[in-house]
Amino acid sequence: MSNRTVKFLFLFIIIQLIGCTKSTIERAPEIKAGDHSGMIINFYDTTLIGGYYSQKAYNIDLDNNGLDDFQFVSWIWGSPGMGQIPQASINCLHCSAKVLGIVTTDTMYLNRDTLIFEGAQPRTWDMYLMFNYSCIRISSNDTILNTNLTFKINPLERDDKIRKSDPAICDSLTLTSGNKNSWPMLIGVSGDTTIYRYDIDHNNCNNFPLEKNVYLGVLLDDERLGWIKINIINNFKIIIHESGIQE
């Protein structure tokens, strides 16, 4: 056997061994939020503060392979009638980057209330028929409008378990959002009373904690578990602390 053939066979064996090593890597099926053991850790210490129709975004490459995996977005949207609505969200930037969470049932309630104020003219009144839409019951008389099965991000405490079996989704997801109000709509006049309708969407189905450090569970390539530590203030200011992903 020639030296050239021996070198070729040796190189072939090395390549095969490397390939086998990569293919037989077994990663733990669960990790703990905030744990650094066996993880690729990145520190960001970045605060996003968007403005009115002015988004601030920050991309994260969890495993430092040159491909961004997730994007956080902070901004405020709305209108003169609706008001300014602060919002924080996370976007999955490719199909192999997924956010972990839970699948749960949301119940939407309708709460009705009536407010009466003195009008602009003497001895006149303004009546507001209030329609409150909320995932949290405001009073015992609230009406159930609908129930929906939905995916939700599950904000975690440090050392909470993150599992491959957790529900995962690749999507653009709202983390927190402020109330969404409509402009009061004139219904009519009855005697000395002007009647308006006022709709308020409380946007509280997510119930994401504010002003608190939490961890988001994530999954790369359907096999590598990780977490991202963040804190959200005033529904739109996002503090991105650090992240970890299995090596």
C-alpha atoms as a PDB file:
ATOM      1  CA  MET A   1       0.000   0.000   0.000  1.00  0.00           C
ATOM      2  CA  SER A   2       1.466   3.359  -1.014  1.00  0.00           C
ATOM      3  CA  ASN A   3       2.047   6.242   1.372  1.00  0.00           C
ATOM      4  CA  ARG A   4      -0.544   8.264  -0.534  1.00  0.00           C
ATOM      5  CA  THR A   5      -3.184   5.576   0.000  1.00  0.00           C
ATOM      6  CA  VAL A   6      -2.336   5.309   3.702  1.00  0.00           C
ATOM      7  CA  LYS A   7      -2.693   9.085   4.136  1.00  0.00           C
ATOM      8  CA  PHE A   8      -6.033   9.050   2.334  1.00  0.00           C
ATOM      9  CA  LEU A   9      -7.385   6.253   4.526  1.00  0.00           C
ATOM     10  CA  PHE A  10      -6.166   7.982   7.675  1.00  0.00           C
ATOM     11  CA  LEU A  11      -7.875  11.232   6.659  1.00  0.00           C
ATOM     12  CA  PHE A  12     -11.074   9.342   5.805  1.00  0.00           C
ATOM     13  CA  ILE A  13     -11.124   7.663   9.235  1.00  0.00           C
ATOM     14  CA  ILE A  14     -10.597  10.996  11.039  1.00  0.00           C
ATOM     15  CA  ILE A  15     -13.478  12.594   9.114  1.00  0.00           C
ATOM     16  CA  GLN A  16     -15.755   9.683   9.955  1.00  0.00           C
ATOM     17  CA  LEU A  17     -14.836   9.838  13.635  1.00  0.00           C
ATOM     18  CA  ILE A  18     -15.588  13.577  13.766  1.00  0.00           C
ATOM     19  CA  GLY A  19     -18.909  13.012  12.062  1.00  0.00           C
ATOM     20  CA  CYS A  20     -19.842  10.261  14.485  1.00  0.00           C
ATOM     21  CA  THR A  21     -18.879  12.431  17.453  1.00  0.00           C
ATOM     22  CA  LYS A  22     -21.159  15.249  16.295  1.00  0.00           C
ATOM     23  CA  SER A  23     -24.063  12.978  15.551  1.00  0.00           C
ATOM     24  CA  THR A  24     -23.940  11.222  18.921  1.00  0.00           C
ATOM     25  CA  ILE A  25     -23.968  14.342  21.104  1.00  0.00           C
ATOM     26  CA  GLU A  26     -26.681  13.902  23.691  1.00  0.00           C
ATOM     27  CA  ARG A  27     -27.957  17.015  25.400  1.00  0.00           C
ATOM     28  CA  ALA A  28     -29.985  17.031  28.590  1.00  0.00           C
ATOM     29  CA  PRO A  29     -33.754  17.037  27.930  1.00  0.00           C
ATOM     30  CA  GLU A  30     -34.209  19.724  30.561  1.00  0.00           C
ATOM     31  CA  ILE A  31     -32.242  22.621  32.038  1.00  0.00           C
ATOM     32  CA  LYS A  32     -32.750  25.225  34.759  1.00  0.00           C
ATOM     33  CA  ALA A  33     -33.458  28.863  33.977  1.00  0.00           C
ATOM     34  CA  GLY A  34     -30.381  30.969  34.723  1.00  0.00           C
ATOM     35  CA  ASP A  35     -28.007  27.984  35.072  1.00  0.00           C
ATOM     36  CA  HIS A  36     -24.648  28.538  33.319  1.00  0.00           C
ATOM     37  CA  SER A  37     -23.423  24.928  33.429  1.00  0.00           C
ATOM     38  CA  GLY A  38     -22.708  23.484  29.978  1.00  0.00           C
ATOM     39  CA  MET A  39     -24.121  26.594  28.333  1.00  0.00           C
ATOM     40  CA  ILE A  40     -22.924  29.244  25.880  1.00  0.00           C
ATOM     41  CA  ILE A  41     -23.497  32.466  27.836  1.00  0.00           C
ATOM     42  CA  ASN A  42     -23.868  35.955  26.369  1.00  0.00           C
ATOM     43  CA  PHE A  43     -24.201  39.166  28.366  1.00  0.00           C
ATOM     44  CA  TYR A  44     -26.057  42.095  26.797  1.00  0.00           C
ATOM     45  CA  ASP A  45     -26.976  44.612  29.531  1.00  0.00           C
ATOM     46  CA  THR A  46     -29.017  46.499  26.933  1.00  0.00           C
ATOM     47  CA  THR A  47     -32.132  48.611  27.427  1.00  0.00           C
ATOM     48  CA  LEU A  48     -34.586  49.190  24.572  1.00  0.00           C
ATOM     49  CA  ILE A  49     -36.795  52.275  24.764  1.00  0.00           C
ATOM     50  CA  GLY A  50     -38.900  52.825  21.666  1.00  0.00           C
ATOM     51  CA  GLY A  51     -40.952  55.920  20.885  1.00  0.00           C
ATOM     52  CA  TYR A  52     -44.311  56.759  19.356  1.00  0.00           C
ATOM     53  CA  TYR A  53     -44.280  54.865  16.047  1.00  0.00           C
ATOM     54  CA  SER A  54     -40.507  54.632  16.439  1.00  0.00           C
ATOM     55  CA  GLN A  55     -39.405  51.036  17.037  1.00  0.00           C
ATOM     56  CA  LYS A  56     -36.210  50.097  18.822  1.00  0.00           C
ATOM     57  CA  ALA A  57     -35.052  46.548  18.064  1.00  0.00           C
ATOM     58  CA  TYR A  58     -32.227  44.321  19.284  1.00  0.00           C
ATOM     59  CA  ASN A  59     -31.188  40.996  17.739  1.00  0.00           C
ATOM     60  CA  ILE A  60     -29.713  38.071  19.677  1.00  0.00           C
ATOM     61  CA  ASP A  61     -27.433  35.332  18.335  1.00  0.00           C
ATOM     62  CA  LEU A  62     -27.660  32.746  21.106  1.00  0.00           C
ATOM     63  CA  ASP A  63     -24.936  30.337  19.962  1.00  0.00           C
ATOM     64  CA  ASN A  64     -22.640  32.927  18.318  1.00  0.00           C
ATOM     65  CA  ASN A  65     -22.750  31.230  14.913  1.00  0.00           C
ATOM     66  CA  GLY A  66     -23.333  34.457  12.990  1.00  0.00           C
ATOM     67  CA  LEU A  67     -27.083  33.865  12.555  1.00  0.00           C
ATOM     68  CA  ASP A  68     -29.440  36.019  14.651  1.00  0.00           C
ATOM     69  CA  ASP A  69     -32.080  33.927  16.388  1.00  0.00           C
ATOM     70  CA  PHE A  70     -34.454  36.302  18.204  1.00  0.00           C
ATOM     71  CA  GLN A  71     -35.369  39.971  18.066  1.00  0.00           C
ATOM     72  CA  PHE A  72     -36.834  42.137  20.833  1.00  0.00           C
ATOM     73  CA  VAL A  73     -38.889  45.193  19.835  1.00  0.00           C
ATOM     74  CA  SER A  74     -39.964  48.174  21.964  1.00  0.00           C
ATOM     75  CA  TRP A  75     -42.350  50.862  20.714  1.00  0.00           C
ATOM     76  CA  ILE A  76     -45.546  52.851  21.290  1.00  0.00           C
ATOM     77  CA  TRP A  77     -48.432  52.840  18.843  1.00  0.00           C
ATOM     78  CA  GLY A  78     -52.017  54.121  18.812  1.00  0.00           C
ATOM     79  CA  SER A  79     -54.055  57.091  17.624  1.00  0.00           C
ATOM     80  CA  PRO A  80     -55.630  60.290  19.017  1.00  0.00           C
ATOM     81  CA  GLY A  81     -58.855  58.382  19.763  1.00  0.00           C
ATOM     82  CA  MET A  82     -57.236  55.184  20.976  1.00  0.00           C
ATOM     83  CA  GLY A  83     -54.449  56.823  22.951  1.00  0.00           C
ATOM     84  CA  GLN A  84     -50.800  55.776  23.100  1.00  0.00           C
ATOM     85  CA  ILE A  85     -50.295  52.040  23.599  1.00  0.00           C
ATOM     86  CA  PRO A  86     -46.860  50.867  24.820  1.00  0.00           C
ATOM     87  CA  GLN A  87     -45.818  47.406  23.634  1.00  0.00           C
ATOM     88  CA  ALA A  88     -42.931  44.955  23.983  1.00  0.00           C
ATOM     89  CA  SER A  89     -42.564  41.903  21.738  1.00  0.00           C
ATOM     90  CA  ILE A  90     -40.224  39.109  20.678  1.00  0.00           C
ATOM     91  CA  ASN A  91     -39.787  37.834  17.110  1.00  0.00           C
ATOM     92  CA  CYS A  92     -38.377  34.454  16.065  1.00  0.00           C
ATOM     93  CA  LEU A  93     -35.998  35.233  13.187  1.00  0.00           C
ATOM     94  CA  HIS A  94     -35.863  31.773  11.580  1.00  0.00           C
ATOM     95  CA  CYS A  95     -37.839  28.544  11.744  1.00  0.00           C
ATOM     96  CA  SER A  96     -35.251  26.770  13.915  1.00  0.00           C
ATOM     97  CA  ALA A  97     -35.574  29.385  16.681  1.00  0.00           C
ATOM     98  CA  LYS A  98     -38.605  28.807  18.899  1.00  0.00           C
ATOM     99  CA  VAL A  99     -40.010  30.243  22.098  1.00  0.00           C
ATOM    100  CA  LEU A 100     -41.250  27.830  24.756  1.00  0.00           C
ATOM    101  CA  GLY A 101     -44.431  28.357  26.722  1.00  0.00           C
ATOM    102  CA  ILE A 102     -47.749  26.849  27.657  1.00  0.00           C
ATOM    103  CA  VAL A 103     -51.037  26.173  25.891  1.00  0.00           C
ATOM    104  CA  THR A 104     -53.981  27.465  27.882  1.00  0.00           C
ATOM    105  CA  THR A 105     -57.570  28.640  27.541  1.00  0.00           C
ATOM    106  CA  ASP A 106     -58.339  32.365  27.642  1.00  0.00           C
ATOM    107  CA  THR A 107     -61.793  33.532  28.693  1.00  0.00           C
ATOM    108  CA  MET A 108     -62.849  36.979  27.478  1.00  0.00           C
ATOM    109  CA  TYR A 109     -65.304  38.790  29.773  1.00  0.00           C
ATOM    110  CA  LEU A 110     -67.476  41.814  29.070  1.00  0.00           C
ATOM    111  CA  ASN A 111     -68.029  44.196  31.974  1.00  0.00           C
ATOM    112  CA  ARG A 112     -70.670  46.927  31.606  1.00  0.00           C
ATOM    113  CA  ASP A 113     -70.720  50.094  33.675  1.00  0.00           C
ATOM    114  CA  THR A 114     -72.340  53.531  33.490  1.00  0.00           C
ATOM    115  CA  LEU A 115     -70.728  56.860  34.363  1.00  0.00           C
ATOM    116  CA  ILE A 116     -72.606  60.187  34.489  1.00  0.00           C
ATOM    117  CA  PHE A 117     -70.974  63.635  34.502  1.00  0.00           C
ATOM    118  CA  GLU A 118     -72.344  67.157  34.454  1.00  0.00           C
ATOM    119  CA  GLY A 119     -72.512  68.451  30.882  1.00  0.00           C
ATOM    120  CA  ALA A 120     -71.102  71.605  29.357  1.00  0.00           C
ATOM    121  CA  GLN A 121     -74.419  73.433  29.687  1.00  0.00           C
ATOM    122  CA  PRO A 122     -76.226  74.020  33.026  1.00  0.00           C
ATOM    123  CA  ARG A 123     -78.571  71.206  34.060  1.00  0.00           C
ATOM    124  CA  THR A 124     -77.359  68.847  31.312  1.00  0.00           C
ATOM    125  CA  TRP A 125     -75.642  65.503  31.701  1.00  0.00           C
ATOM    126  CA  ASP A 126     -73.212  63.292  29.811  1.00  0.00           C
ATOM    127  CA  MET A 127     -73.760  59.556  30.236  1.00  0.00           C
ATOM    128  CA  TYR A 128     -71.020  57.086  29.286  1.00  0.00           C
ATOM    129  CA  LEU A 129     -71.940  53.450  28.714  1.00  0.00           C
ATOM    130  CA  MET A 130     -68.664  51.673  29.518  1.00  0.00           C
ATOM    131  CA  PHE A 131     -67.838  48.367  27.800  1.00  0.00           C
ATOM    132  CA  ASN A 132     -64.755  46.746  29.403  1.00  0.00           C
ATOM    133  CA  TYR A 133     -63.186  43.739  27.672  1.00  0.00           C
ATOM    134  CA  SER A 134     -60.897  41.756  29.949  1.00  0.00           C
ATOM    135  CA  CYS A 135     -59.458  38.288  30.536  1.00  0.00           C
ATOM    136  CA  ILE A 136     -59.893  38.928  34.260  1.00  0.00           C
ATOM    137  CA  ARG A 137     -63.401  39.103  35.703  1.00  0.00           C
ATOM    138  CA  ILE A 138     -64.059  42.641  36.966  1.00  0.00           C
ATOM    139  CA  SER A 139     -67.372  41.897  38.700  1.00  0.00           C
ATOM    140  CA  SER A 140     -69.596  38.895  39.337  1.00  0.00           C
ATOM    141  CA  ASN A 141     -72.073  40.153  36.704  1.00  0.00           C
ATOM    142  CA  ASP A 142     -69.560  40.047  33.835  1.00  0.00           C
ATOM    143  CA  THR A 143     -70.658  38.221  30.686  1.00  0.00           C
ATOM    144  CA  ILE A 144     -68.469  35.547  29.074  1.00  0.00           C
ATOM    145  CA  LEU A 145     -67.959  36.554  25.440  1.00  0.00           C
ATOM    146  CA  ASN A 146     -65.761  33.676  24.249  1.00  0.00           C
ATOM    147  CA  THR A 147     -63.057  31.184  25.178  1.00  0.00           C
ATOM    148  CA  ASN A 148     -59.973  30.541  23.057  1.00  0.00           C
ATOM    149  CA  LEU A 149     -57.200  27.952  23.186  1.00  0.00           C
ATOM    150  CA  THR A 150     -53.966  29.908  22.892  1.00  0.00           C
ATOM    151  CA  PHE A 151     -50.175  29.647  23.206  1.00  0.00           C
ATOM    152  CA  LYS A 152     -48.600  31.871  25.844  1.00  0.00           C
ATOM    153  CA  ILE A 153     -45.028  32.625  26.792  1.00  0.00           C
ATOM    154  CA  ASN A 154     -44.420  31.362  30.312  1.00  0.00           C
ATOM    155  CA  PRO A 155     -42.168  33.808  32.239  1.00  0.00           C
ATOM    156  CA  LEU A 156     -39.933  31.768  34.535  1.00  0.00           C
ATOM    157  CA  GLU A 157     -38.171  32.275  37.846  1.00  0.00           C
ATOM    158  CA  ARG A 158     -34.518  31.369  38.305  1.00  0.00           C
ATOM    159  CA  ASP A 159     -34.012  27.581  38.571  1.00  0.00           C
ATOM    160  CA  ASP A 160     -37.424  26.815  37.051  1.00  0.00           C
ATOM    161  CA  LYS A 161     -37.166  23.832  34.713  1.00  0.00           C
ATOM    162  CA  ILE A 162     -37.138  24.224  30.919  1.00  0.00           C
ATOM    163  CA  ARG A 163     -37.952  21.020  29.026  1.00  0.00           C
ATOM    164  CA  LYS A 164     -37.813  19.870  25.417  1.00  0.00           C
ATOM    165  CA  SER A 165     -41.351  18.597  25.919  1.00  0.00           C
ATOM    166  CA  ASP A 166     -42.627  22.137  26.576  1.00  0.00           C
ATOM    167  CA  PRO A 167     -44.876  23.576  23.831  1.00  0.00           C
ATOM    168  CA  ALA A 168     -42.806  25.595  21.333  1.00  0.00           C
ATOM    169  CA  ILE A 169     -43.674  28.102  18.621  1.00  0.00           C
ATOM    170  CA  CYS A 170     -41.857  30.112  15.950  1.00  0.00           C
ATOM    171  CA  ASP A 171     -43.733  33.400  15.621  1.00  0.00           C
ATOM    172  CA  SER A 172     -43.913  37.089  16.509  1.00  0.00           C
ATOM    173  CA  LEU A 173     -45.295  37.325  20.050  1.00  0.00           C
ATOM    174  CA  THR A 174     -46.449  40.235  22.190  1.00  0.00           C
ATOM    175  CA  LEU A 175     -44.938  40.165  25.670  1.00  0.00           C
ATOM    176  CA  THR A 176     -46.797  43.124  27.196  1.00  0.00           C
ATOM    177  CA  SER A 177     -49.135  45.849  25.942  1.00  0.00           C
ATOM    178  CA  GLY A 178     -51.071  48.750  27.418  1.00  0.00           C
ATOM    179  CA  ASN A 179     -54.848  49.251  27.366  1.00  0.00           C
ATOM    180  CA  LYS A 180     -56.540  49.929  24.043  1.00  0.00           C
ATOM    181  CA  ASN A 181     -59.333  52.521  24.284  1.00  0.00           C
ATOM    182  CA  SER A 182     -61.804  53.684  21.660  1.00  0.00           C
ATOM    183  CA  TRP A 183     -62.924  57.260  21.090  1.00  0.00           C
ATOM    184  CA  PRO A 184     -66.295  57.852  22.868  1.00  0.00           C
ATOM    185  CA  MET A 185     -69.072  57.286  20.302  1.00  0.00           C
ATOM    186  CA  LEU A 186     -72.230  59.392  20.418  1.00  0.00           C
ATOM    187  CA  ILE A 187     -75.316  57.186  20.675  1.00  0.00           C
ATOM    188  CA  GLY A 188     -78.026  59.817  21.094  1.00  0.00           C
ATOM    189  CA  VAL A 189     -79.753  62.331  23.346  1.00  0.00           C
ATOM    190  CA  SER A 190     -82.503  61.560  25.851  1.00  0.00           C
ATOM    191  CA  GLY A 191     -84.022  64.648  27.458  1.00  0.00           C
ATOM    192  CA  ASP A 192     -81.211  66.580  29.143  1.00  0.00           C
ATOM    193  CA  THR A 193     -78.729  63.671  28.842  1.00  0.00           C
ATOM    194  CA  THR A 194     -76.244  63.024  26.009  1.00  0.00           C
ATOM    195  CA  ILE A 195     -75.342  59.334  25.792  1.00  0.00           C
ATOM    196  CA  TYR A 196     -71.962  57.984  24.646  1.00  0.00           C
ATOM    197  CA  ARG A 197     -70.484  54.512  24.295  1.00  0.00           C
ATOM    198  CA  TYR A 198     -66.880  53.954  25.443  1.00  0.00           C
ATOM    199  CA  ASP A 199     -65.012  50.669  24.742  1.00  0.00           C
ATOM    200  CA  ILE A 200     -61.868  49.646  26.667  1.00  0.00           C
ATOM    201  CA  ASP A 201     -59.741  46.587  25.811  1.00  0.00           C
ATOM    202  CA  HIS A 202     -57.637  45.921  28.912  1.00  0.00           C
ATOM    203  CA  ASN A 203     -55.109  43.753  27.004  1.00  0.00           C
ATOM    204  CA  ASN A 204     -54.509  41.629  30.119  1.00  0.00           C
ATOM    205  CA  CYS A 205     -54.700  38.135  28.641  1.00  0.00           C
ATOM    206  CA  ASN A 206     -50.915  37.724  28.769  1.00  0.00           C
ATOM    207  CA  ASN A 207     -50.511  38.924  32.374  1.00  0.00           C
ATOM    208  CA  PHE A 208     -46.721  39.230  31.912  1.00  0.00           C
ATOM    209  CA  PRO A 209     -44.927  40.464  35.087  1.00  0.00           C
ATOM    210  CA  LEU A 210     -43.506  43.997  34.991  1.00  0.00           C
ATOM    211  CA  GLU A 211     -40.441  45.441  36.721  1.00  0.00           C
ATOM    212  CA  LYS A 212     -39.199  41.945  37.522  1.00  0.00           C
ATOM    213  CA  ASN A 213     -36.348  39.820  36.170  1.00  0.00           C
ATOM    214  CA  VAL A 214     -37.772  36.778  34.390  1.00  0.00           C
ATOM    215  CA  TYR A 215     -36.482  34.086  32.030  1.00  0.00           C
ATOM    216  CA  LEU A 216     -37.909  33.092  28.652  1.00  0.00           C
ATOM    217  CA  GLY A 217     -37.386  29.470  27.654  1.00  0.00           C
ATOM    218  CA  VAL A 218     -36.174  28.972  24.066  1.00  0.00           C
ATOM    219  CA  LEU A 219     -35.261  26.113  21.728  1.00  0.00           C
ATOM    220  CA  LEU A 220     -32.803  25.983  18.813  1.00  0.00           C
ATOM    221  CA  ASP A 221     -32.836  23.333  16.069  1.00  0.00           C
ATOM    222  CA  ASP A 222     -35.435  21.341  18.058  1.00  0.00           C
ATOM    223  CA  GLU A 223     -32.692  20.043  20.379  1.00  0.00           C
ATOM    224  CA  ARG A 224     -30.798  22.842  22.177  1.00  0.00           C
ATOM    225  CA  LEU A 225     -32.548  24.362  25.171  1.00  0.00           C
ATOM    226  CA  GLY A 226     -31.836  27.856  26.383  1.00  0.00           C
ATOM    227  CA  TRP A 227     -33.112  30.919  28.209  1.00  0.00           C
ATOM    228  CA  ILE A 228     -33.085  34.713  27.928  1.00  0.00           C
ATOM    229  CA  LYS A 229     -33.179  36.901  31.022  1.00  0.00           C
ATOM    230  CA  ILE A 230     -35.165  40.141  30.627  1.00  0.00           C
ATOM    231  CA  ASN A 231     -37.095  42.776  32.565  1.00  0.00           C
ATOM    232  CA  ILE A 232     -39.952  44.898  31.155  1.00  0.00           C
ATOM    233  CA  ILE A 233     -40.887  48.319  32.548  1.00  0.00           C
ATOM    234  CA  ASN A 234     -44.003  50.359  31.694  1.00  0.00           C
ATOM    235  CA  ASN A 235     -45.107  47.719  29.173  1.00  0.00           C
ATOM    236  CA  PHE A 236     -42.478  48.711  26.572  1.00  0.00           C
ATOM    237  CA  LYS A 237     -39.021  49.340  28.048  1.00  0.00           C
ATOM    238  CA  ILE A 238     -37.087  46.077  27.690  1.00  0.00           C
ATOM    239  CA  ILE A 239     -33.933  45.364  29.699  1.00  0.00           C
ATOM    240  CA  ILE A 240     -32.066  42.423  28.128  1.00  0.00           C
ATOM    241  CA  HIS A 241     -29.629  40.998  30.666  1.00  0.00           C
ATOM    242  CA  GLU A 242     -28.141  37.723  29.396  1.00  0.00           C
ATOM    243  CA  SER A 243     -28.841  34.460  27.613  1.00  0.00           C
ATOM    244  CA  GLY A 244     -27.738  30.838  27.730  1.00  0.00           C
ATOM    245  CA  ILE A 245     -27.980  27.998  25.202  1.00  0.00           C
ATOM    246  CA  GLN A 246     -26.766  24.409  25.449  1.00  0.00           C
ATOM    247  CA  GLU A 247     -23.321  23.900  23.932  1.00  0.00           C
END
